[in-house]
N, C-alpha and C. Protein backbone atom coordinates (compact mmCIF):
# COMPACT_ATOMS: atom_id res chain seq x y z
N SER A 1 105.93 -104.38 84.53
CA SER A 1 106.94 -103.66 83.32
C SER A 1 106.73 -102.30 83.53
N MET A 2 107.32 -101.58 82.93
CA MET A 2 107.23 -100.13 82.94
C MET A 2 105.80 -100.17 82.49
N LYS A 3 105.81 -100.87 81.05
CA LYS A 3 104.56 -100.05 80.32
C LYS A 3 103.20 -100.23 81.60
N HIS A 4 103.27 -101.42 82.44
CA HIS A 4 101.92 -101.67 83.30
C HIS A 4 101.93 -100.46 84.34
N ASN A 5 103.37 -100.10 84.88
CA ASN A 5 103.47 -98.98 85.29
C ASN A 5 103.12 -98.12 85.33
N SER A 6 103.15 -96.99 83.65
CA SER A 6 103.02 -96.28 83.40
C SER A 6 101.13 -96.34 83.30
N TRP A 7 100.98 -97.05 82.93
CA TRP A 7 99.18 -97.50 82.84
C TRP A 7 98.65 -97.08 84.13
N ARG A 8 98.87 -97.79 84.99
CA ARG A 8 98.36 -97.87 86.29
C ARG A 8 98.75 -96.02 86.68
N SER A 9 99.40 -95.51 86.64
CA SER A 9 99.49 -94.16 86.66
C SER A 9 99.08 -92.74 86.07
N SER A 10 98.47 -93.30 84.73
CA SER A 10 97.51 -92.54 83.72
C SER A 10 96.92 -91.86 84.46
N ILE A 11 96.40 -90.35 84.25
CA ILE A 11 95.44 -90.02 84.89
C ILE A 11 94.31 -89.12 84.18
N ASN A 12 93.19 -89.06 84.31
CA ASN A 12 91.97 -88.50 83.76
C ASN A 12 91.74 -87.09 84.40
N LEU A 13 91.85 -86.10 83.55
CA LEU A 13 92.34 -85.37 84.31
C LEU A 13 90.43 -84.00 83.96
N TRP A 14 89.67 -83.40 85.13
CA TRP A 14 88.67 -83.08 85.07
C TRP A 14 88.66 -81.43 85.44
N VAL A 15 88.74 -81.04 84.52
CA VAL A 15 88.76 -79.25 84.16
C VAL A 15 87.53 -78.78 84.29
N ASP A 16 87.28 -77.68 85.71
CA ASP A 16 86.08 -77.32 86.12
C ASP A 16 86.45 -76.62 87.33
N ASP A 17 86.01 -75.66 87.66
CA ASP A 17 85.93 -74.88 88.92
C ASP A 17 84.81 -74.86 90.11
N LEU A 18 83.54 -75.66 89.53
CA LEU A 18 82.83 -75.73 90.33
C LEU A 18 81.68 -77.21 90.27
N ARG A 19 81.95 -78.09 89.34
CA ARG A 19 81.44 -79.28 89.43
C ARG A 19 82.23 -80.27 90.30
N ALA A 20 81.27 -80.94 91.06
CA ALA A 20 81.91 -82.32 92.05
C ALA A 20 82.74 -83.36 90.79
N CYS A 21 83.91 -83.44 91.37
CA CYS A 21 84.65 -84.21 89.92
C CYS A 21 84.23 -85.66 90.53
N PRO A 22 83.91 -86.35 89.26
CA PRO A 22 83.77 -87.81 89.50
C PRO A 22 84.86 -88.80 89.82
N GLY A 23 84.60 -89.86 90.17
CA GLY A 23 85.71 -91.07 90.75
C GLY A 23 86.36 -91.19 89.79
N GLY A 24 87.31 -91.45 89.82
CA GLY A 24 88.59 -91.88 89.10
C GLY A 24 89.02 -91.26 88.13
N TRP A 25 88.63 -89.41 88.37
CA TRP A 25 89.09 -88.49 87.83
C TRP A 25 89.57 -87.50 89.06
N THR A 26 90.96 -86.82 88.16
CA THR A 26 91.81 -85.65 89.24
C THR A 26 91.38 -83.89 88.78
N PRO A 27 90.65 -83.58 89.69
CA PRO A 27 90.26 -82.09 89.73
C PRO A 27 91.38 -81.41 89.14
N ALA A 28 91.28 -80.55 88.39
CA ALA A 28 92.02 -78.97 87.79
C ALA A 28 91.07 -77.85 87.94
N ARG A 29 91.00 -76.94 88.81
CA ARG A 29 89.77 -76.00 89.15
C ARG A 29 90.26 -74.64 88.54
N THR A 30 91.63 -74.51 87.68
CA THR A 30 92.12 -73.45 87.48
C THR A 30 92.74 -73.41 86.15
N VAL A 31 93.04 -72.51 84.92
CA VAL A 31 93.99 -72.98 84.05
C VAL A 31 95.54 -73.09 84.25
N THR A 32 95.76 -72.49 85.23
CA THR A 32 97.33 -73.15 86.04
C THR A 32 97.72 -74.15 86.26
N GLU A 33 96.89 -74.62 87.06
CA GLU A 33 96.71 -76.28 87.85
C GLU A 33 96.57 -77.02 86.59
N ALA A 34 95.35 -77.17 85.53
CA ALA A 34 95.45 -77.74 84.69
C ALA A 34 96.77 -78.14 83.62
N ILE A 35 96.85 -76.87 83.43
CA ILE A 35 97.90 -76.45 82.30
C ILE A 35 99.19 -77.12 83.10
N ARG A 36 99.47 -77.30 84.77
CA ARG A 36 101.16 -77.78 84.98
C ARG A 36 100.51 -79.74 85.17
N ILE A 37 99.36 -79.88 85.12
CA ILE A 37 98.98 -81.42 85.26
C ILE A 37 99.32 -81.85 83.88
N LEU A 38 99.08 -80.92 82.77
CA LEU A 38 99.18 -81.48 81.18
C LEU A 38 100.35 -81.61 81.03
N ALA A 39 101.43 -80.64 81.97
CA ALA A 39 102.62 -80.84 81.08
C ALA A 39 103.71 -81.40 81.90
N THR A 40 103.18 -82.18 83.25
CA THR A 40 103.97 -83.05 84.05
C THR A 40 103.35 -84.54 84.36
N MET A 41 102.33 -84.59 83.91
CA MET A 41 101.71 -86.10 84.51
C MET A 41 100.99 -86.60 83.12
N PRO A 42 100.99 -87.76 83.09
CA PRO A 42 100.74 -88.92 82.01
C PRO A 42 98.66 -88.50 81.96
N VAL A 43 98.23 -87.58 81.28
CA VAL A 43 97.22 -87.32 81.10
C VAL A 43 96.88 -88.17 79.90
N VAL A 44 95.40 -88.94 79.89
CA VAL A 44 95.33 -89.83 79.28
C VAL A 44 93.77 -89.22 78.20
N GLU A 45 92.69 -88.85 78.88
CA GLU A 45 91.54 -88.06 78.79
C GLU A 45 91.66 -86.73 79.66
N VAL A 46 90.96 -85.88 79.56
CA VAL A 46 90.55 -84.73 79.59
C VAL A 46 89.08 -84.26 79.59
N SER A 47 88.41 -83.77 80.55
CA SER A 47 86.75 -83.55 80.45
C SER A 47 86.70 -82.06 80.26
N LEU A 48 86.67 -81.01 80.48
CA LEU A 48 86.61 -79.86 80.05
C LEU A 48 85.39 -79.11 79.95
N ASP A 49 85.36 -78.17 81.45
CA ASP A 49 84.46 -76.76 81.23
C ASP A 49 84.54 -76.05 80.47
N HIS A 50 84.01 -75.24 80.11
CA HIS A 50 84.51 -73.74 79.45
C HIS A 50 84.37 -72.29 80.43
N ASP A 51 83.36 -71.80 81.00
CA ASP A 51 83.22 -71.05 82.23
C ASP A 51 83.96 -70.86 83.49
N THR A 52 84.72 -70.00 84.01
CA THR A 52 84.89 -69.92 85.26
C THR A 52 84.00 -68.81 86.19
N ILE A 53 84.02 -69.43 87.65
CA ILE A 53 83.12 -68.54 88.39
C ILE A 53 84.02 -66.97 88.42
N ALA A 54 85.09 -66.70 87.62
CA ALA A 54 85.38 -65.51 87.40
C ALA A 54 84.57 -64.88 86.60
N ASP A 55 83.81 -65.39 85.57
CA ASP A 55 82.96 -65.00 84.93
C ASP A 55 82.03 -63.85 85.60
N CYS A 56 80.81 -64.25 86.67
CA CYS A 56 80.14 -63.72 86.86
C CYS A 56 80.43 -62.79 88.41
N THR A 57 81.60 -62.91 89.19
CA THR A 57 81.82 -62.26 90.24
C THR A 57 82.55 -61.39 90.67
N HIS A 58 82.64 -60.42 91.64
CA HIS A 58 83.51 -59.43 91.44
C HIS A 58 84.10 -58.46 90.29
N ARG A 59 83.23 -58.83 89.26
CA ARG A 59 83.95 -57.40 88.30
C ARG A 59 82.52 -57.25 87.68
N PRO A 60 82.02 -56.21 88.44
CA PRO A 60 80.64 -56.00 87.66
C PRO A 60 80.94 -54.48 86.79
N SER A 61 82.54 -54.20 86.76
CA SER A 61 82.73 -53.23 86.26
C SER A 61 83.65 -53.17 84.72
N ARG A 62 83.85 -54.64 84.58
CA ARG A 62 84.56 -55.34 83.24
C ARG A 62 84.23 -56.54 83.06
N PRO A 63 82.54 -56.28 82.41
CA PRO A 63 81.60 -57.50 82.34
C PRO A 63 82.67 -59.02 81.23
N MET A 64 83.47 -57.60 80.38
CA MET A 64 83.98 -58.87 79.24
C MET A 64 85.00 -59.15 79.53
N SER A 65 85.83 -58.96 80.80
CA SER A 65 87.11 -59.39 80.81
C SER A 65 86.66 -61.11 81.41
N MET A 66 86.21 -61.79 80.65
CA MET A 66 85.67 -63.31 81.67
C MET A 66 87.23 -63.48 81.22
N GLU A 67 87.20 -64.80 82.09
CA GLU A 67 87.84 -65.53 82.33
C GLU A 67 87.46 -67.34 82.04
N THR A 68 88.40 -68.01 81.07
CA THR A 68 87.28 -69.35 80.57
C THR A 68 88.76 -70.90 80.51
N PHE A 69 88.04 -71.46 80.75
CA PHE A 69 89.30 -72.74 80.09
C PHE A 69 89.64 -72.59 78.66
N GLU A 70 89.39 -71.84 77.69
CA GLU A 70 89.76 -72.00 76.69
C GLU A 70 91.15 -71.78 76.38
N PRO A 71 92.53 -71.54 77.44
CA PRO A 71 93.54 -71.23 77.13
C PRO A 71 94.22 -72.83 77.46
N VAL A 72 93.07 -73.82 77.89
CA VAL A 72 93.48 -74.91 78.31
C VAL A 72 93.16 -76.08 77.03
N ALA A 73 92.65 -75.41 76.40
CA ALA A 73 91.77 -76.13 75.06
C ALA A 73 93.30 -75.73 74.12
N ARG A 74 93.73 -74.74 74.33
CA ARG A 74 94.69 -74.40 73.28
C ARG A 74 96.15 -74.78 73.30
N TYR A 75 96.31 -75.23 75.03
CA TYR A 75 97.71 -75.81 75.26
C TYR A 75 97.55 -77.21 74.74
N ILE A 76 96.08 -78.30 74.70
CA ILE A 76 95.78 -79.36 74.86
C ILE A 76 96.18 -79.37 73.02
N ALA A 77 95.71 -78.36 72.51
CA ALA A 77 95.67 -78.37 70.59
C ALA A 77 97.06 -78.54 70.23
N LEU A 78 98.19 -78.76 70.78
CA LEU A 78 99.57 -78.41 70.97
C LEU A 78 100.33 -79.37 71.38
N MET A 79 99.65 -80.41 71.88
CA MET A 79 100.31 -81.51 72.98
C MET A 79 100.29 -82.17 71.41
N ASN A 80 101.51 -83.76 71.39
CA ASN A 80 101.36 -84.88 70.62
C ASN A 80 102.41 -85.36 71.42
N PRO A 81 101.92 -86.69 71.81
CA PRO A 81 100.49 -87.24 71.28
C PRO A 81 99.56 -86.06 72.26
N ARG A 82 98.20 -86.37 71.99
CA ARG A 82 97.28 -85.47 73.20
C ARG A 82 96.48 -86.56 73.41
N PRO A 83 96.11 -86.09 75.06
CA PRO A 83 94.30 -87.00 75.34
C PRO A 83 93.52 -86.80 74.68
N THR A 84 92.79 -87.46 74.59
CA THR A 84 91.22 -87.76 74.67
C THR A 84 90.75 -86.77 75.69
N VAL A 85 89.38 -85.73 74.33
CA VAL A 85 89.12 -84.69 75.05
C VAL A 85 87.57 -84.47 74.78
N ARG A 86 86.80 -84.33 76.29
CA ARG A 86 85.23 -84.35 76.39
C ARG A 86 85.09 -82.87 76.49
N ILE A 87 84.21 -82.13 76.28
CA ILE A 87 83.97 -80.98 76.69
C ILE A 87 82.51 -80.87 77.17
N HIS A 88 82.30 -80.53 78.83
CA HIS A 88 81.30 -81.27 79.21
C HIS A 88 80.83 -79.44 79.64
N THR A 89 81.08 -78.89 78.89
CA THR A 89 80.65 -76.80 79.42
C THR A 89 78.58 -77.27 79.12
N ALA A 90 78.04 -76.28 80.26
CA ALA A 90 76.83 -76.45 79.58
C ALA A 90 76.11 -75.07 79.02
N ASN A 91 77.20 -74.21 78.32
CA ASN A 91 77.13 -73.28 77.46
C ASN A 91 77.27 -73.53 76.25
N PRO A 92 76.34 -73.57 75.24
CA PRO A 92 76.71 -74.48 73.87
C PRO A 92 77.74 -73.94 72.63
N PRO A 93 77.33 -72.25 72.86
CA PRO A 93 78.25 -71.42 72.02
C PRO A 93 79.90 -71.78 72.47
N ALA A 94 79.94 -71.55 73.71
CA ALA A 94 81.22 -71.87 74.45
C ALA A 94 81.99 -73.40 74.11
N GLY A 95 80.81 -74.34 74.00
CA GLY A 95 81.68 -75.82 73.69
C GLY A 95 82.05 -75.61 72.14
N ASP A 96 81.13 -74.91 71.52
CA ASP A 96 81.47 -75.08 70.03
C ASP A 96 82.53 -74.21 69.67
N ARG A 97 83.12 -73.52 70.28
CA ARG A 97 84.07 -72.63 70.15
C ARG A 97 85.39 -74.01 70.44
N MET A 98 85.45 -74.20 71.93
CA MET A 98 86.33 -75.26 72.26
C MET A 98 86.49 -76.27 71.28
N ALA A 99 85.17 -76.68 70.97
CA ALA A 99 85.23 -77.78 70.26
C ALA A 99 86.39 -77.57 68.74
N GLU A 100 85.58 -76.36 68.18
CA GLU A 100 86.54 -75.64 67.23
C GLU A 100 88.10 -75.62 67.36
N ILE A 101 88.67 -75.15 68.46
CA ILE A 101 90.32 -75.31 68.86
C ILE A 101 90.28 -76.47 69.17
N LEU A 102 89.88 -77.70 69.26
CA LEU A 102 90.73 -79.06 69.49
C LEU A 102 90.49 -79.91 67.76
N GLY A 103 89.00 -79.28 67.04
CA GLY A 103 88.89 -79.78 66.10
C GLY A 103 88.75 -81.20 66.41
N ILE A 104 87.42 -81.14 67.42
CA ILE A 104 86.90 -82.26 67.70
C ILE A 104 85.00 -82.00 67.90
N GLU A 105 84.39 -82.83 68.10
CA GLU A 105 82.30 -82.82 68.21
C GLU A 105 82.43 -82.32 69.58
N TYR A 106 81.32 -81.77 69.50
CA TYR A 106 81.24 -80.72 71.31
C TYR A 106 79.49 -81.98 70.98
N THR A 107 79.25 -82.76 71.94
CA THR A 107 78.33 -83.29 72.56
C THR A 107 78.20 -82.83 73.96
N TRP A 108 76.93 -82.42 74.14
CA TRP A 108 76.84 -82.17 75.97
C TRP A 108 75.09 -82.59 75.92
N PRO A 109 74.57 -83.13 76.70
CA PRO A 109 75.06 -83.73 77.73
C PRO A 109 75.53 -85.40 77.44
N SER A 110 77.21 -85.09 78.18
CA SER A 110 77.97 -86.49 77.51
C SER A 110 78.35 -87.50 78.99
N TYR A 111 77.35 -86.18 80.25
CA TYR A 111 77.31 -87.01 81.57
C TYR A 111 76.08 -86.94 82.41
N GLU A 112 75.58 -87.78 82.65
CA GLU A 112 74.38 -88.01 83.38
C GLU A 112 74.70 -87.64 85.22
N GLU A 113 73.87 -86.53 85.07
CA GLU A 113 74.06 -85.53 86.44
C GLU A 113 73.68 -86.60 87.43
N ALA A 114 75.02 -86.63 88.49
CA ALA A 114 74.96 -87.67 89.54
C ALA A 114 73.62 -87.03 90.68
């Protein structure tokens, strides 16, 4: 049935530029990639990181121009219906900020380190 097919093709999206992607998840390493997948594929659950490696490399002169995955959280907040979201950043203030954008609880760690 179509319902069965859509269930089989549903995606768990792992938004993180560094951490290894767990089995059963589809990785998105950039904001653009994450939003493209959210816009075009049946994503049922998202696990969101906050910081990207761009925070601390190649930008000594502009330390405040941080790139983060917050735009992905803002995009998800506007989705209807929207996927279930977990936040897995190890940066608590950032986790709180993203949870506030999404109106969800921030609970780290929600994953055991492999």
